Amino acid sequence: MEPEDQRKLDRVLKLAEENNEYVRQVRGSQKTTQMWKSIYWVLILVALFAGYHYMQPYLSKITQMYSTVTKEKANLELNISDGKNGFMNFFDNMMMPKGE
């Protein structure tokens, strides 16, 4: 092999080794980044589940109170409408005596 060709091959080999080192560094950086992202999301999920577990008694009380208020509101509306009808009947009876 001629010296010029040998020099070119040595240069290509050196560049390939440098390129391989850079690729390994980038791949290592990608693996590290992926690991930290995974840890990040695991911590977020753990915090969400722990928060729900901690808040669950309060949430159940709130939903129970909401359902009670909704039922009472429906009862109140029913009573008000019955009261209106009763008042209107009373008023109609006052204006028109039954004897006529």
Protein backbone atom coordinates (compact mmCIF):
# COMPACT_ATOMS: atom_id res chain seq x y z
CA MET A 1 0.00 0.00 0.00
CA GLU A 2 1.27 3.42 -0.84
CA PRO A 3 2.14 5.85 1.95
CA GLU A 4 -0.50 8.33 0.80
CA ASP A 5 -3.23 5.68 0.95
CA GLN A 6 -1.98 4.50 4.34
CA ARG A 7 -2.08 8.06 5.66
CA LYS A 8 -5.66 8.47 4.39
CA LEU A 9 -6.70 5.19 5.99
CA ASP A 10 -5.10 6.22 9.28
CA ARG A 11 -6.94 9.54 9.11
CA VAL A 12 -10.25 7.80 8.37
CA LEU A 13 -9.61 5.40 11.26
CA LYS A 14 -8.88 8.30 13.62
CA LEU A 15 -12.02 10.15 12.51
CA ALA A 16 -14.12 6.99 12.90
CA GLU A 17 -12.78 6.46 16.43
CA GLU A 18 -13.51 10.11 17.36
CA ASN A 19 -16.96 9.80 15.81
CA ASN A 20 -17.56 6.59 17.76
CA GLU A 21 -16.56 8.35 21.00
CA TYR A 22 -18.98 11.23 20.30
CA VAL A 23 -21.78 8.81 19.47
CA ARG A 24 -21.16 6.93 22.73
CA GLN A 25 -21.27 10.21 24.68
CA VAL A 26 -24.53 11.26 23.01
CA ARG A 27 -26.07 7.84 23.62
CA GLY A 28 -24.97 7.95 27.26
CA SER A 29 -26.49 11.40 27.59
CA GLN A 30 -29.74 10.14 26.06
CA LYS A 31 -29.86 7.23 28.50
CA THR A 32 -29.25 9.54 31.45
CA THR A 33 -31.92 11.96 30.26
CA GLN A 34 -34.41 9.13 29.79
CA MET A 35 -33.65 7.83 33.29
CA TRP A 36 -34.26 11.27 34.84
CA LYS A 37 -37.49 11.70 32.88
CA SER A 38 -38.68 8.33 34.13
CA ILE A 39 -37.82 9.25 37.72
CA TYR A 40 -39.58 12.59 37.26
CA TRP A 41 -42.82 10.97 36.09
CA VAL A 42 -42.69 8.29 38.76
CA LEU A 43 -42.35 10.99 41.42
CA ILE A 44 -45.27 12.92 39.93
CA LEU A 45 -47.46 9.80 39.91
CA VAL A 46 -46.47 8.89 43.46
CA ALA A 47 -47.27 12.44 44.59
CA LEU A 48 -50.67 12.30 42.86
CA PHE A 49 -51.59 8.95 44.40
CA ALA A 50 -50.35 10.01 47.84
CA GLY A 51 -52.30 13.26 47.56
CA TYR A 52 -55.44 11.42 46.57
CA HIS A 53 -54.97 8.93 49.40
CA TYR A 54 -54.49 11.79 51.85
CA MET A 55 -57.41 13.84 50.50
CA GLN A 56 -59.83 10.92 49.97
CA PRO A 57 -61.63 11.27 53.35
CA TYR A 58 -62.15 14.98 52.72
CA LEU A 59 -63.32 14.37 49.16
CA SER A 60 -65.84 11.77 50.30
CA LYS A 61 -67.20 14.22 52.90
CA ILE A 62 -67.49 16.92 50.25
CA THR A 63 -69.33 14.63 47.83
CA GLN A 64 -71.64 13.51 50.63
CA MET A 65 -72.39 17.12 51.56
CA TYR A 66 -72.99 17.97 47.89
CA SER A 67 -75.46 15.13 47.50
CA THR A 68 -77.24 16.17 50.71
CA VAL A 69 -77.46 19.79 49.53
CA THR A 70 -78.78 18.65 46.14
CA LYS A 71 -81.49 16.55 47.78
CA GLU A 72 -82.46 19.38 50.13
CA LYS A 73 -82.58 21.81 47.21
CA ALA A 74 -84.92 19.49 45.32
CA ASN A 75 -87.11 19.13 48.42
CA LEU A 76 -87.13 22.88 48.95
CA GLU A 77 -88.10 23.53 45.32
CA LEU A 78 -90.88 20.97 45.64
CA ASN A 79 -92.12 22.58 48.85
CA ILE A 80 -91.98 26.06 47.31
CA SER A 81 -93.94 24.96 44.25
CA ASP A 82 -96.50 23.24 46.51
CA GLY A 83 -96.65 26.40 48.57
CA LYS A 84 -97.20 28.55 45.50
CA ASN A 85 -99.98 26.28 44.30
CA GLY A 86 -101.53 26.26 47.75
CA PHE A 87 -101.27 30.03 48.02
CA MET A 88 -102.81 30.50 44.58
CA ASN A 89 -105.65 28.13 45.48
CA PHE A 90 -106.19 30.00 48.72
CA PHE A 91 -106.16 33.31 46.89
CA ASP A 92 -108.58 32.02 44.23
CA ASN A 93 -110.94 30.76 46.96
CA MET A 94 -110.83 34.10 48.72
CA MET A 95 -111.73 35.98 45.56
CA MET A 96 -114.47 33.59 44.46
CA PRO A 97 -116.59 32.32 47.30
CA LYS A 98 -117.93 28.80 46.89
CA GLY A 99 -121.55 29.76 47.07
CA GLU A 100 -121.70 31.31 43.60
